Amino acid sequence: MYQYSYADQKLVDERVAQFRDQTQRFLAGELPEEQFLPLRLQNGLYVQRHAPMLRIAIPYGLMSSNQLRTLAEIARDYDRGYGHFTTRTNLQLNWVKLEEVPDILAKLATNQMHAIQTSGNCIRNTTTDPYSGIHADEIADPRPYCEIIRQWSTFHPEFAFLPRKFKIAVIGTKADRAATQVHDIGLHLVERDGEIGFEVLVGGGLGRTPIIGKVINEFLPRRHLLSYLDAILRVYNLEGRRDNKYKARIKILVESLGKEVFAQKVDEEWQSLKDGDLTLSDAHFEKAQSYFTTPNYEQIDALSAQEVLQGYLSDEAFKNWYEHNTVAHKVNGYRAVVISLKAGVVDGEYVPAGDVTDAQMFALADLADEYSLGEIRATHHQNLVLGDVKITDLYALWQKLVDLKLARANIGTLTDMIVCPGFDYCALANATTHNIAESIEKQFTDLDYLYDLGDIRLNMSGCMNACAHHHVGDIGILGVDKKGEHWYQISLGGNSGENAKLGQILGRAVAADEVAQTIATIVDVYKNERIESDEHIETFAQAVERLGIAPFKAAVYS
């Protein structure tokens, strides 16, 4: 993985010293709130409903075991003993003290981490597929390109004060596990006549005005990556609206101009950049790729490993976990392991989606060292991944995850929910989410029933900012405020994958105590109406596509 250079370390250390001085002056009353606001946002610090919240950057979701230990130490020493992983693969701390934030940033810097550009109107953390570099279907590993973008975008003087926040995602497979089509820019690695390049999508985004991104360049040679991105950002910076924050995202500009006109403006801007200083050479790519070298995998006898695995699969609980929480690896004898951070109700207490305790983080760091070459990945779905686990180690790893209460075999099921913190924490939220997620968990406790339902993506946001991507869930839930009461709007048929689309609103919002039963009614319609044969069972997404929302609406509101 990427290691800081001297310049990187110096830059981050200087930022820590700057923010320490700014914070001290603010606390002493020497720096007004309106001047401190943009400074704290540049360092990932928000003021939430009850306390400051610090968002820590995890570039393209990749951490070393030592970095995870650093996060655990910070959660233990400066927060309430846990952290929250987000859909941008960052970690949020919800209970930090303002006066201690400079100390937190200093500790992060000692292990090559920071909170720079995790908030504010700038280019945010670039995200990618959690299986980057280990999936057999990749055209190329997208992580080196994410790193090139990270270096280009960090402290970019032109793009520090954009009209609104800006998000980029990169993938190297046809399967889209990074929701690229609902990003400001989505980059798909493609190959043409033996040359690597990018299909470029622009203008995706959710929130108040959800829009699927549009292809403006079907093949951009990779050497032009930065100059073309620069051109897009320049057009946006010059023509994006600044008079209305709800119309300031690039998606509104692309919609208002039209895809063709926007693409033409980018091309015109690009002409003066395309063969200049931003042009990338083979040496640039070789250097970036050197940060992500292929590990020295062991030569494993696949037949022998499968025989060992078959013996373990007689344990039904392990078999369920293996089938749902592990993923094929490009190297024979290895699997990727998905660690569910959707524990549900544990010992009578609901554990919010994406939350992990300091003790669990310490233990996971040790497991990463023991079983997965010292690396761990955060996912868009608020889970974690150990990417390089030998098949023969899976059972021992699973047993240790069971002890940590991190072995729930529910990846891809209805309870693998993406959930934002909602009204309990966020100052922007209109409604609570954790109580609704808990009620859904209690409604769907039978794993066999969940497995029979198959893949269903349920996403729930506490407000229309859509931090949990409710628009693109198979089932989306949006919290709304009705005269001080929390109600919940349901949508069906969304998708954030390669065939991305927005869900349709089912009907009027339902009361908090009706949400879980409403979801149960929806899945009952699916079970009753799906087409089944010996070879195939129609998925929830396929059934909604075929049936439309009418039968679901009739069942819910009859």
Protein backbone atom coordinates (compact mmCIF):
# COMPACT_ATOMS: atom_id res chain seq x y z
CA MET A 1 0.00 0.00 0.00
CA TYR A 2 1.02 3.63 -0.39
CA GLN A 3 3.68 4.98 1.98
CA TYR A 4 4.13 8.68 2.67
CA SER A 5 7.12 10.40 1.15
CA TYR A 6 9.06 13.04 3.09
CA ALA A 7 6.96 15.72 1.38
CA ASP A 8 3.69 13.99 2.30
CA GLN A 9 4.67 13.68 5.94
CA LYS A 10 5.87 17.26 6.14
CA LEU A 11 2.65 18.52 4.55
CA VAL A 12 0.44 16.62 7.03
CA ASP A 13 2.58 17.63 10.02
CA GLU A 14 2.40 21.29 9.00
CA ARG A 15 -1.39 21.06 8.64
CA VAL A 16 -1.64 19.67 12.18
CA ALA A 17 0.45 22.55 13.55
CA GLN A 18 -1.65 25.08 11.65
CA PHE A 19 -4.93 23.68 12.95
CA ARG A 20 -3.60 23.50 16.51
CA ASP A 21 -2.89 27.24 16.36
CA GLN A 22 -6.27 27.96 14.75
CA THR A 23 -8.11 25.95 17.39
CA GLN A 24 -6.27 27.63 20.25
CA ARG A 25 -7.10 31.06 18.84
CA PHE A 26 -10.75 30.09 18.39
CA LEU A 27 -11.04 28.78 21.96
CA ALA A 28 -9.38 31.98 23.23
CA GLY A 29 -11.97 34.10 21.42
CA GLU A 30 -9.43 35.50 18.98
CA LEU A 31 -10.91 33.81 15.90
CA PRO A 32 -14.63 34.33 15.10
CA GLU A 33 -16.87 31.32 14.44
CA GLU A 34 -17.46 32.33 10.80
CA GLN A 35 -13.71 32.32 10.18
CA PHE A 36 -13.09 29.09 12.11
CA LEU A 37 -15.88 27.21 10.27
CA PRO A 38 -14.06 26.72 6.93
CA LEU A 39 -10.83 25.93 8.77
CA ARG A 40 -12.35 23.11 10.82
CA LEU A 41 -14.19 21.73 7.79
CA GLN A 42 -10.90 21.53 5.91
CA ASN A 43 -9.75 19.25 8.73
CA GLY A 44 -12.82 17.03 8.76
CA LEU A 45 -14.43 18.51 11.86
CA TYR A 46 -18.20 18.98 12.04
CA VAL A 47 -20.42 20.16 14.89
CA GLN A 48 -23.20 17.62 15.22
CA ARG A 49 -26.32 17.46 17.38
CA HIS A 50 -24.56 16.61 20.64
CA ALA A 51 -20.82 16.94 20.07
CA PRO A 52 -18.16 17.60 17.43
CA MET A 53 -17.70 14.80 14.88
CA LEU A 54 -14.34 14.08 13.26
CA ARG A 55 -14.20 12.30 9.91
CA ILE A 56 -10.89 10.53 9.30
CA ALA A 57 -9.78 9.81 5.74
CA ILE A 58 -9.12 6.24 4.64
CA PRO A 59 -7.94 6.65 1.03
CA TYR A 60 -9.66 4.14 -1.26
CA GLY A 61 -10.64 2.20 1.87
CA LEU A 62 -7.23 0.61 2.46
CA MET A 63 -5.58 0.44 5.90
CA SER A 64 -2.57 -1.29 7.35
CA SER A 65 -3.02 -3.18 10.60
CA ASN A 66 -1.01 -0.48 12.40
CA GLN A 67 -3.29 2.22 11.04
CA LEU A 68 -6.32 0.33 12.32
CA ARG A 69 -4.64 0.11 15.73
CA THR A 70 -4.13 3.87 15.65
CA LEU A 71 -7.85 4.34 14.98
CA ALA A 72 -8.62 1.99 17.87
CA GLU A 73 -6.35 3.92 20.23
CA ILE A 74 -7.99 7.20 19.24
CA ALA A 75 -11.50 5.78 19.70
CA ARG A 76 -10.48 4.48 23.13
CA ASP A 77 -8.59 7.55 24.34
CA TYR A 78 -10.48 10.43 22.74
CA ASP A 79 -14.01 9.16 22.06
CA ARG A 80 -16.47 6.69 23.59
CA GLY A 81 -14.72 3.51 22.55
CA TYR A 82 -16.04 3.00 19.02
CA GLY A 83 -15.88 4.34 15.47
CA HIS A 84 -18.36 4.45 12.60
CA PHE A 85 -17.44 3.44 9.03
CA THR A 86 -19.22 5.39 6.29
CA THR A 87 -20.19 4.76 2.67
CA ARG A 88 -17.08 6.70 1.60
CA THR A 89 -14.95 4.18 3.54
CA ASN A 90 -13.94 6.86 6.07
CA LEU A 91 -14.16 6.52 9.86
CA GLN A 92 -16.21 8.94 11.95
CA LEU A 93 -15.79 9.67 15.64
CA ASN A 94 -19.00 11.10 17.08
CA TRP A 95 -17.97 12.32 20.52
CA VAL A 96 -14.63 14.11 20.25
CA LYS A 97 -13.78 17.25 22.23
CA LEU A 98 -12.86 20.29 20.18
CA GLU A 99 -9.82 21.12 22.28
CA GLU A 100 -8.45 17.57 21.77
CA VAL A 101 -8.87 17.41 17.99
CA PRO A 102 -5.35 18.77 17.26
CA ASP A 103 -3.94 15.98 19.44
CA ILE A 104 -5.99 13.42 17.51
CA LEU A 105 -4.73 14.79 14.19
CA ALA A 106 -1.15 14.69 15.49
CA LYS A 107 -1.59 11.03 16.47
CA LEU A 108 -3.03 10.23 13.06
CA ALA A 109 -0.05 11.91 11.40
CA THR A 110 2.39 9.63 13.23
CA ASN A 111 0.90 6.70 11.29
CA GLN A 112 0.40 8.38 7.90
CA MET A 113 -3.25 9.31 8.35
CA HIS A 114 -5.21 12.56 8.39
CA ALA A 115 -8.67 14.12 8.12
CA ILE A 116 -7.84 16.53 5.29
CA GLN A 117 -10.59 17.11 2.68
CA THR A 118 -13.10 14.80 4.34
CA SER A 119 -15.51 17.73 4.46
CA GLY A 120 -16.00 21.12 2.84
CA ASN A 121 -16.47 22.07 -0.81
CA CYS A 122 -13.48 20.20 -2.15
CA ILE A 123 -12.54 16.89 -3.77
CA ARG A 124 -13.31 14.24 -1.17
CA ASN A 125 -11.82 10.79 -0.59
CA THR A 126 -11.68 8.80 -3.84
CA THR A 127 -13.32 5.39 -3.45
CA THR A 128 -13.05 2.08 -5.27
CA ASP A 129 -13.99 -1.60 -5.31
CA PRO A 130 -13.12 -3.31 -1.98
CA TYR A 131 -11.79 -6.27 -4.00
CA SER A 132 -9.37 -4.14 -6.03
CA GLY A 133 -6.24 -6.05 -6.92
CA ILE A 134 -7.65 -9.44 -5.90
CA HIS A 135 -10.63 -9.95 -8.23
CA ALA A 136 -10.12 -12.16 -11.27
CA ASP A 137 -12.41 -10.05 -13.48
CA GLU A 138 -10.32 -6.87 -13.26
CA ILE A 139 -9.05 -5.18 -16.39
CA ALA A 140 -6.47 -3.51 -14.14
CA ASP A 141 -6.08 -2.68 -10.46
CA PRO A 142 -7.83 0.70 -9.92
CA ARG A 143 -5.93 1.56 -6.73
CA PRO A 144 -2.87 3.10 -8.44
CA TYR A 145 -5.19 5.44 -10.31
CA CYS A 146 -6.97 6.31 -7.07
CA GLU A 147 -3.60 7.18 -5.58
CA ILE A 148 -2.68 9.35 -8.56
CA ILE A 149 -5.99 11.19 -8.13
CA ARG A 150 -5.38 11.53 -4.38
CA GLN A 151 -2.00 13.14 -4.91
CA TRP A 152 -3.35 15.45 -7.62
CA SER A 153 -6.43 16.55 -5.66
CA THR A 154 -4.93 17.04 -2.19
CA PHE A 155 -4.49 20.78 -1.57
CA HIS A 156 -5.14 21.52 -5.24
CA PRO A 157 -5.23 25.34 -5.14
CA GLU A 158 -7.99 25.69 -7.76
CA PHE A 159 -10.30 23.14 -6.23
CA ALA A 160 -10.25 23.92 -2.50
CA PHE A 161 -13.41 26.04 -2.67
CA LEU A 162 -15.65 24.46 -5.28
CA PRO A 163 -19.34 25.34 -5.56
CA ARG A 164 -20.07 22.14 -3.55
CA LYS A 165 -18.41 18.92 -2.39
CA PHE A 166 -17.04 16.65 -5.12
CA LYS A 167 -16.74 12.86 -5.16
CA ILE A 168 -14.87 10.50 -7.49
CA ALA A 169 -14.98 6.69 -7.70
CA VAL A 170 -12.86 4.33 -9.82
CA ILE A 171 -13.46 0.67 -10.71
CA GLY A 172 -11.64 -1.94 -12.79
CA THR A 173 -14.45 -4.45 -13.37
CA LYS A 174 -17.79 -4.46 -15.15
CA ALA A 175 -19.45 -5.21 -11.83
CA ASP A 176 -19.79 -1.92 -9.98
CA ARG A 177 -19.20 -2.29 -6.25
CA ALA A 178 -18.41 1.40 -5.71
CA ALA A 179 -21.65 3.07 -6.90
CA THR A 180 -19.70 5.00 -9.55
CA GLN A 181 -22.82 6.14 -11.40
CA VAL A 182 -24.02 8.22 -8.47
CA HIS A 183 -20.71 10.08 -8.12
CA ASP A 184 -19.76 13.48 -9.47
CA ILE A 185 -17.23 11.59 -11.58
CA GLY A 186 -17.21 7.85 -12.16
CA LEU A 187 -14.20 6.27 -13.85
CA HIS A 188 -14.42 2.79 -15.39
CA LEU A 189 -11.19 1.18 -16.50
CA VAL A 190 -11.57 -0.16 -20.05
CA GLU A 191 -9.25 -1.63 -22.64
CA ARG A 192 -9.25 -0.79 -26.33
CA ASP A 193 -6.80 -2.28 -28.84
CA GLY A 194 -4.47 -3.26 -26.04
CA GLU A 195 -4.48 0.21 -24.44
CA ILE A 196 -5.82 0.95 -20.97
CA GLY A 197 -8.12 3.94 -20.58
CA PHE A 198 -11.28 5.15 -18.87
CA GLU A 199 -14.94 5.47 -19.60
CA VAL A 200 -15.78 8.77 -17.92
CA LEU A 201 -19.16 9.47 -16.34
CA VAL A 202 -20.08 12.87 -14.92
CA GLY A 203 -23.02 14.33 -13.05
CA GLY A 204 -24.21 11.52 -10.84
CA GLY A 205 -25.35 12.14 -7.31
CA LEU A 206 -28.14 11.57 -4.82
CA GLY A 207 -29.46 13.94 -2.16
CA ARG A 208 -32.26 16.38 -2.87
CA THR A 209 -32.03 15.86 -6.64
CA PRO A 210 -30.94 12.27 -7.38
CA ILE A 211 -29.44 11.76 -10.84
CA ILE A 212 -27.58 8.90 -12.56
CA GLY A 213 -24.27 9.96 -14.12
CA LYS A 214 -23.80 10.31 -17.87
CA VAL A 215 -20.98 9.07 -20.08
CA ILE A 216 -19.14 12.04 -21.62
CA ASN A 217 -16.08 10.14 -22.85
CA GLU A 218 -16.20 6.49 -23.89
CA PHE A 219 -12.43 6.07 -23.98
CA LEU A 220 -9.95 8.42 -22.34
CA PRO A 221 -6.35 7.18 -22.69
CA ARG A 222 -4.93 6.84 -19.21
CA ARG A 223 -2.07 9.27 -19.85
CA HIS A 224 -4.69 12.03 -20.09
CA LEU A 225 -6.45 11.15 -16.81
CA LEU A 226 -5.38 14.19 -14.78
CA SER A 227 -5.61 16.74 -17.56
CA TYR A 228 -9.16 15.61 -18.37
CA LEU A 229 -10.20 15.63 -14.71
CA ASP A 230 -8.68 19.09 -14.41
CA ALA A 231 -10.74 20.25 -17.38
CA ILE A 232 -13.96 18.89 -15.83
CA LEU A 233 -13.25 20.61 -12.52
CA ARG A 234 -12.39 23.89 -14.25
CA VAL A 235 -15.68 23.94 -16.14
CA TYR A 236 -17.53 23.16 -12.93
CA ASN A 237 -15.63 25.77 -10.94
CA LEU A 238 -16.34 28.43 -13.56
CA GLU A 239 -19.97 27.61 -14.35
CA GLY A 240 -21.34 25.78 -11.31
CA ARG A 241 -23.91 27.74 -9.31
CA ARG A 242 -22.82 29.38 -6.08
CA ASP A 243 -26.02 31.28 -5.33
CA ASN A 244 -28.00 28.23 -4.20
CA LYS A 245 -26.33 25.31 -2.41
CA TYR A 246 -29.14 22.98 -3.43
CA LYS A 247 -28.33 23.63 -7.10
CA ALA A 248 -24.56 23.83 -6.79
CA ARG A 249 -23.53 20.22 -7.46
CA ILE A 250 -22.07 19.38 -10.87
CA LYS A 251 -25.07 17.15 -11.60
CA ILE A 252 -27.26 20.28 -11.82
CA LEU A 253 -24.82 21.93 -14.22
CA VAL A 254 -24.71 18.84 -16.46
CA GLU A 255 -28.52 18.61 -16.44
CA SER A 256 -28.99 22.30 -17.24
CA LEU A 257 -26.45 22.35 -20.06
CA GLY A 258 -27.16 18.89 -21.40
CA LYS A 259 -24.60 16.11 -21.66
CA GLU A 260 -23.38 17.07 -25.13
CA VAL A 261 -22.86 20.76 -24.35
CA PHE A 262 -21.12 19.97 -21.07
CA ALA A 263 -18.84 17.45 -22.80
CA GLN A 264 -18.01 20.05 -25.47
CA LYS A 265 -17.09 22.64 -22.83
CA VAL A 266 -14.83 20.11 -21.13
CA ASP A 267 -13.20 19.23 -24.43
CA GLU A 268 -12.57 22.90 -25.23
CA GLU A 269 -10.99 23.43 -21.80
CA TRP A 270 -8.99 20.25 -22.20
CA GLN A 271 -7.30 21.29 -25.44
CA SER A 272 -4.91 23.60 -23.61
CA LEU A 273 -4.12 20.93 -20.99
CA LYS A 274 -4.05 17.55 -22.73
CA ASP A 275 -0.37 17.39 -23.71
CA GLY A 276 0.99 19.63 -20.97
CA ASP A 277 2.46 19.12 -17.51
CA LEU A 278 -0.45 16.97 -16.34
CA THR A 279 0.20 14.30 -18.97
CA LEU A 280 1.11 11.04 -17.24
CA SER A 281 4.03 8.93 -18.44
CA ASP A 282 4.69 5.23 -18.07
CA ALA A 283 7.07 6.15 -15.26
CA HIS A 284 4.20 7.78 -13.33
CA PHE A 285 2.10 4.65 -13.64
CA GLU A 286 4.98 2.37 -12.74
CA LYS A 287 5.64 4.39 -9.60
CA ALA A 288 1.97 4.35 -8.57
CA GLN A 289 1.69 0.64 -9.31
CA SER A 290 4.80 -0.04 -7.23
CA TYR A 291 2.79 0.90 -4.12
CA PHE A 292 0.43 -2.01 -4.81
CA THR A 293 2.69 -4.88 -5.73
CA THR A 294 1.32 -8.40 -5.80
CA PRO A 295 2.05 -10.10 -2.46
CA ASN A 296 4.21 -13.19 -2.29
CA TYR A 297 1.29 -15.60 -2.13
CA GLU A 298 1.96 -19.13 -0.97
CA GLN A 299 1.71 -21.94 -3.47
CA ILE A 300 -1.30 -23.86 -2.17
CA ASP A 301 -2.36 -27.27 -3.41
CA ALA A 302 -5.92 -26.42 -4.43
CA LEU A 303 -7.21 -30.01 -4.20
CA SER A 304 -5.78 -30.50 -0.72
CA ALA A 305 -7.12 -27.15 0.43
CA GLN A 306 -10.59 -28.01 -0.87
CA GLU A 307 -10.52 -31.31 1.01
CA VAL A 308 -9.71 -29.44 4.24
CA LEU A 309 -12.47 -26.94 3.53
CA GLN A 310 -15.04 -29.65 2.85
CA GLY A 311 -14.39 -31.06 6.29
CA TYR A 312 -15.10 -27.70 7.90
CA LEU A 313 -18.29 -27.19 5.85
CA SER A 314 -20.02 -29.87 7.89
CA ASP A 315 -20.41 -27.12 10.51
CA GLU A 316 -23.64 -25.45 9.34
CA ALA A 317 -22.87 -22.08 10.93
CA PHE A 318 -19.46 -21.95 9.26
CA LYS A 319 -20.96 -23.08 5.96
CA ASN A 320 -23.44 -20.18 6.03
CA TRP A 321 -20.63 -17.75 6.76
CA TYR A 322 -18.41 -19.21 4.03
CA GLU A 323 -21.17 -18.98 1.44
CA HIS A 324 -22.25 -15.43 2.30
CA ASN A 325 -19.17 -13.72 3.75
CA THR A 326 -16.33 -14.93 1.55
CA VAL A 327 -15.53 -14.00 -2.04
CA ALA A 328 -13.52 -15.71 -4.77
CA HIS A 329 -9.89 -14.59 -5.11
CA LYS A 330 -7.81 -14.43 -8.29
CA VAL A 331 -5.16 -16.64 -6.63
CA ASN A 332 -6.03 -20.31 -6.12
CA GLY A 333 -6.19 -21.27 -2.48
CA TYR A 334 -7.23 -17.83 -1.21
CA ARG A 335 -10.55 -16.06 -0.47
CA ALA A 336 -11.51 -12.54 0.51
CA VAL A 337 -13.45 -12.38 3.78
CA VAL A 338 -16.18 -9.82 4.39
CA ILE A 339 -16.56 -8.91 8.06
CA SER A 340 -20.12 -7.84 8.70
CA LEU A 341 -20.44 -4.62 10.69
CA LYS A 342 -24.21 -5.30 10.79
CA ALA A 343 -24.25 -7.28 14.00
CA GLY A 344 -27.87 -6.38 14.68
CA VAL A 345 -29.06 -7.00 18.22
CA VAL A 346 -26.23 -8.36 20.40
CA ASP A 347 -26.89 -9.30 24.02
CA GLY A 348 -30.13 -7.34 23.88
CA GLU A 349 -28.53 -4.16 22.51
CA TYR A 350 -28.77 -2.92 18.93
CA VAL A 351 -25.38 -2.29 17.31
CA PRO A 352 -25.67 0.46 14.65
CA ALA A 353 -24.58 -0.42 11.11
CA GLY A 354 -20.95 0.44 10.49
CA ASP A 355 -20.03 0.70 14.18
CA VAL A 356 -17.02 -1.16 15.57
CA THR A 357 -15.53 -0.93 19.05
CA ASP A 358 -11.93 -0.12 19.90
CA ALA A 359 -11.46 -3.65 21.25
CA GLN A 360 -12.78 -5.12 18.01
CA MET A 361 -10.47 -2.87 15.97
CA PHE A 362 -7.44 -3.96 17.98
CA ALA A 363 -8.43 -7.60 17.49
CA LEU A 364 -9.09 -7.15 13.77
CA ALA A 365 -5.66 -5.57 13.34
CA ASP A 366 -4.14 -8.69 14.90
CA LEU A 367 -6.24 -10.91 12.63
CA ALA A 368 -5.13 -8.91 9.59
CA ASP A 369 -1.52 -9.58 10.57
CA GLU A 370 -2.15 -13.25 11.22
CA TYR A 371 -4.35 -14.08 8.25
CA SER A 372 -4.32 -11.33 5.61
CA LEU A 373 -0.83 -9.88 5.06
CA GLY A 374 -1.38 -6.99 7.47
CA GLU A 375 -4.03 -5.14 5.45
CA ILE A 376 -7.73 -4.50 5.93
CA ARG A 377 -10.24 -2.72 3.70
CA ALA A 378 -13.37 -0.68 4.35
CA THR A 379 -16.30 -1.03 1.95
CA HIS A 380 -18.99 1.20 0.49
CA HIS A 381 -21.50 -1.03 2.28
CA GLN A 382 -20.07 -0.16 5.73
CA ASN A 383 -18.33 -3.51 6.21
CA LEU A 384 -14.66 -4.54 6.39
CA VAL A 385 -12.68 -6.97 4.24
CA LEU A 386 -9.65 -9.15 4.84
CA GLY A 387 -8.53 -9.55 1.26
CA ASP A 388 -5.97 -12.36 1.26
CA VAL A 389 -6.99 -15.28 3.47
CA LYS A 390 -5.85 -18.82 2.77
CA ILE A 391 -8.74 -21.26 2.41
CA THR A 392 -7.14 -23.49 5.01
CA ASP A 393 -7.23 -20.62 7.53
CA LEU A 394 -10.90 -19.74 7.06
CA TYR A 395 -12.29 -21.93 9.83
CA ALA A 396 -9.81 -20.69 12.44
CA LEU A 397 -10.46 -17.09 11.39
CA TRP A 398 -14.22 -17.61 11.56
CA GLN A 399 -13.97 -19.01 15.10
CA LYS A 400 -12.08 -15.91 16.24
CA LEU A 401 -14.62 -13.63 14.54
CA VAL A 402 -17.40 -15.50 16.35
CA ASP A 403 -15.72 -14.68 19.65
CA LEU A 404 -15.54 -11.00 18.58
CA LYS A 405 -19.25 -11.03 17.59
CA LEU A 406 -18.16 -10.15 14.05
CA ALA A 407 -19.10 -13.37 12.26
CA ARG A 408 -22.72 -12.68 11.36
CA ALA A 409 -23.35 -14.48 8.07
CA ASN A 410 -25.65 -11.87 6.55
CA ILE A 411 -23.70 -10.21 3.73
CA GLY A 412 -26.06 -9.40 0.86
CA THR A 413 -29.19 -10.11 2.90
CA LEU A 414 -31.91 -7.73 4.01
CA THR A 415 -30.13 -7.13 7.33
CA ASP A 416 -26.87 -6.06 5.63
CA MET A 417 -28.32 -2.55 5.76
CA ILE A 418 -26.58 0.71 4.93
CA VAL A 419 -27.77 3.12 7.64
CA CYS A 420 -26.69 6.68 8.38
CA PRO A 421 -26.46 7.85 12.03
CA GLY A 422 -29.68 9.83 11.62
CA PHE A 423 -31.32 12.20 14.09
CA ASP A 424 -29.56 10.62 17.08
CA TYR A 425 -26.34 12.30 15.98
CA CYS A 426 -26.64 14.37 12.81
CA ALA A 427 -27.75 18.01 12.99
CA LEU A 428 -29.14 17.77 9.44
CA ALA A 429 -31.30 14.67 9.97
CA ASN A 430 -35.08 14.83 10.02
CA ALA A 431 -35.69 11.45 11.63
CA THR A 432 -34.04 8.71 13.65
CA THR A 433 -32.69 5.62 11.89
CA HIS A 434 -31.21 3.32 14.53
CA ASN A 435 -34.59 2.58 16.13
CA ILE A 436 -36.04 1.71 12.72
CA ALA A 437 -33.09 -0.53 11.85
CA GLU A 438 -33.50 -2.26 15.21
CA SER A 439 -37.19 -2.90 14.56
CA ILE A 440 -36.35 -4.39 11.15
CA GLU A 441 -33.68 -6.57 12.76
CA LYS A 442 -36.23 -7.89 15.24
CA GLN A 443 -38.71 -8.53 12.42
CA PHE A 444 -36.21 -10.61 10.43
CA THR A 445 -34.36 -12.88 12.86
CA ASP A 446 -34.58 -16.13 10.88
CA LEU A 447 -31.40 -16.54 8.80
CA ASP A 448 -32.93 -19.29 6.67
CA TYR A 449 -35.77 -16.94 5.76
CA LEU A 450 -33.28 -14.19 4.87
CA TYR A 451 -31.29 -16.60 2.71
CA ASP A 452 -34.48 -17.64 0.93
CA LEU A 453 -35.20 -14.00 0.12
CA GLY A 454 -31.81 -13.75 -1.56
CA ASP A 455 -29.94 -10.55 -2.30
CA ILE A 456 -31.85 -7.48 -1.14
CA ARG A 457 -30.11 -4.15 -0.59
CA LEU A 458 -31.88 -2.04 2.07
CA ASN A 459 -30.54 1.51 2.50
CA MET A 460 -31.89 4.01 5.05
CA SER A 461 -31.19 7.73 5.35
CA GLY A 462 -32.35 10.11 8.06
CA CYS A 463 -32.79 12.99 5.62
CA MET A 464 -32.81 13.81 1.92
CA ASN A 465 -29.03 14.33 1.86
CA ALA A 466 -29.01 10.57 1.28
CA CYS A 467 -25.76 9.68 3.05
CA ALA A 468 -26.98 6.06 3.11
CA HIS A 469 -27.89 6.08 -0.62
CA HIS A 470 -31.54 5.21 -0.05
CA HIS A 471 -32.44 6.18 -3.63
CA VAL A 472 -30.48 3.22 -5.03
CA GLY A 473 -31.49 0.50 -2.59
CA ASP A 474 -33.71 -2.39 -3.67
CA ILE A 475 -35.66 -1.03 -0.72
CA GLY A 476 -34.96 2.55 0.28
CA ILE A 477 -36.15 4.24 3.46
CA LEU A 478 -36.08 8.02 3.92
CA GLY A 479 -36.82 9.64 7.26
CA VAL A 480 -39.06 12.71 7.08
CA ASP A 481 -40.36 15.17 9.65
CA LYS A 482 -44.12 15.69 9.87
CA LYS A 483 -44.91 18.38 12.42
CA GLY A 484 -42.23 17.14 14.77
CA GLU A 485 -42.97 13.45 14.29
CA HIS A 486 -40.68 11.01 12.46
CA TRP A 487 -42.20 9.28 9.44
CA TYR A 488 -40.61 7.09 6.78
CA GLN A 489 -40.97 7.13 3.00
CA ILE A 490 -40.37 3.81 1.21
CA SER A 491 -38.99 3.38 -2.32
CA LEU A 492 -38.44 0.24 -4.39
CA GLY A 493 -36.34 -0.80 -7.35
CA GLY A 494 -33.15 1.21 -6.92
CA ASN A 495 -29.74 -0.11 -7.95
CA SER A 496 -26.21 1.25 -7.54
CA GLY A 497 -24.51 -1.42 -9.68
CA GLU A 498 -23.69 -1.47 -13.37
CA ASN A 499 -27.38 -1.05 -14.24
CA ALA A 500 -27.82 1.84 -11.82
CA LYS A 501 -31.26 3.36 -11.43
CA LEU A 502 -33.30 5.29 -8.91
CA GLY A 503 -36.03 3.67 -6.89
CA GLN A 504 -39.69 4.64 -7.14
CA ILE A 505 -41.52 6.04 -4.13
CA LEU A 506 -44.12 3.52 -3.00
CA GLY A 507 -46.62 6.00 -1.58
CA ARG A 508 -47.26 8.07 1.52
CA ALA A 509 -44.82 7.84 4.40
CA VAL A 510 -45.52 5.35 7.19
CA ALA A 511 -45.24 5.84 10.93
CA ALA A 512 -42.15 4.65 12.81
CA ASP A 513 -43.92 1.71 14.42
CA GLU A 514 -45.19 0.52 11.01
CA VAL A 515 -41.91 0.40 9.09
CA ALA A 516 -40.80 -3.12 9.98
CA GLN A 517 -44.20 -4.60 9.17
CA THR A 518 -44.29 -2.62 5.93
CA ILE A 519 -40.98 -4.20 4.89
CA ALA A 520 -42.37 -7.61 5.84
CA THR A 521 -45.42 -6.99 3.64
CA ILE A 522 -43.20 -5.96 0.73
CA VAL A 523 -41.07 -9.11 0.92
CA ASP A 524 -44.19 -11.27 1.28
CA VAL A 525 -45.43 -9.89 -2.05
CA TYR A 526 -42.06 -10.74 -3.56
CA LYS A 527 -42.12 -14.29 -2.20
CA ASN A 528 -45.64 -14.85 -3.47
CA GLU A 529 -45.10 -13.34 -6.91
CA ARG A 530 -41.53 -14.34 -7.82
CA ILE A 531 -40.95 -16.78 -10.66
CA GLU A 532 -39.19 -19.96 -9.58
CA SER A 533 -37.78 -22.94 -11.43
CA ASP A 534 -35.27 -25.65 -10.70
CA GLU A 535 -32.57 -23.58 -12.38
CA HIS A 536 -33.42 -20.07 -11.26
CA ILE A 537 -35.28 -18.05 -8.65
CA GLU A 538 -36.20 -14.52 -9.67
CA THR A 539 -34.41 -11.98 -7.47
CA PHE A 540 -36.17 -9.18 -5.66
CA ALA A 541 -34.73 -6.65 -8.11
CA GLN A 542 -35.90 -8.70 -11.10
CA ALA A 543 -39.36 -9.10 -9.63
CA VAL A 544 -39.76 -5.36 -9.03
CA GLU A 545 -38.53 -4.69 -12.57
CA ARG A 546 -41.11 -7.11 -14.00
CA LEU A 547 -44.05 -6.32 -11.75
CA GLY A 548 -43.57 -2.60 -11.15
CA ILE A 549 -44.48 -1.18 -7.76
CA ALA A 550 -48.27 -1.52 -8.12
CA PRO A 551 -48.70 -4.91 -6.35
CA PHE A 552 -46.40 -3.84 -3.52
CA LYS A 553 -48.27 -0.56 -3.14
CA ALA A 554 -51.63 -2.33 -3.08
CA ALA A 555 -50.46 -4.72 -0.37
CA VAL A 556 -48.98 -1.99 1.82
CA TYR A 557 -51.84 0.50 1.62
CA SER A 558 -54.82 -1.81 1.28
